[in-house]
Amino acid sequence: MTETWKEHCPVDEEESPVERQAWHGGWKYRKERGPGTPKMEVAAEMAGDPDLLKVWLQGYAAADNHFADSGSNSFRP
């Protein structure tokens, strides 16, 4: 399952490692907490930097779509 987020992440590791980490953070948050939109304050805090909020939310949305398409909205440890 570790490879799954890497397959979906559009951010290049060498070009933008900080953005890639933020994207992965959004994916991981959704994976661990299940479906449901996070509060913006929580998302901003999890992103760690206001400039990375958009990328974090993109990772979250990608994970949400992935888990919904797989037929499971449950948590995936």
Foldseek 3Di string as FASTA:
>chain_A
DVCVLVVVDPDDCVVCVLLSVLLVLLLLVCQAPFDDDDDLVVLCVSSVHVVSSVSNVNSVVSNNVVCVVVVHRDHDD
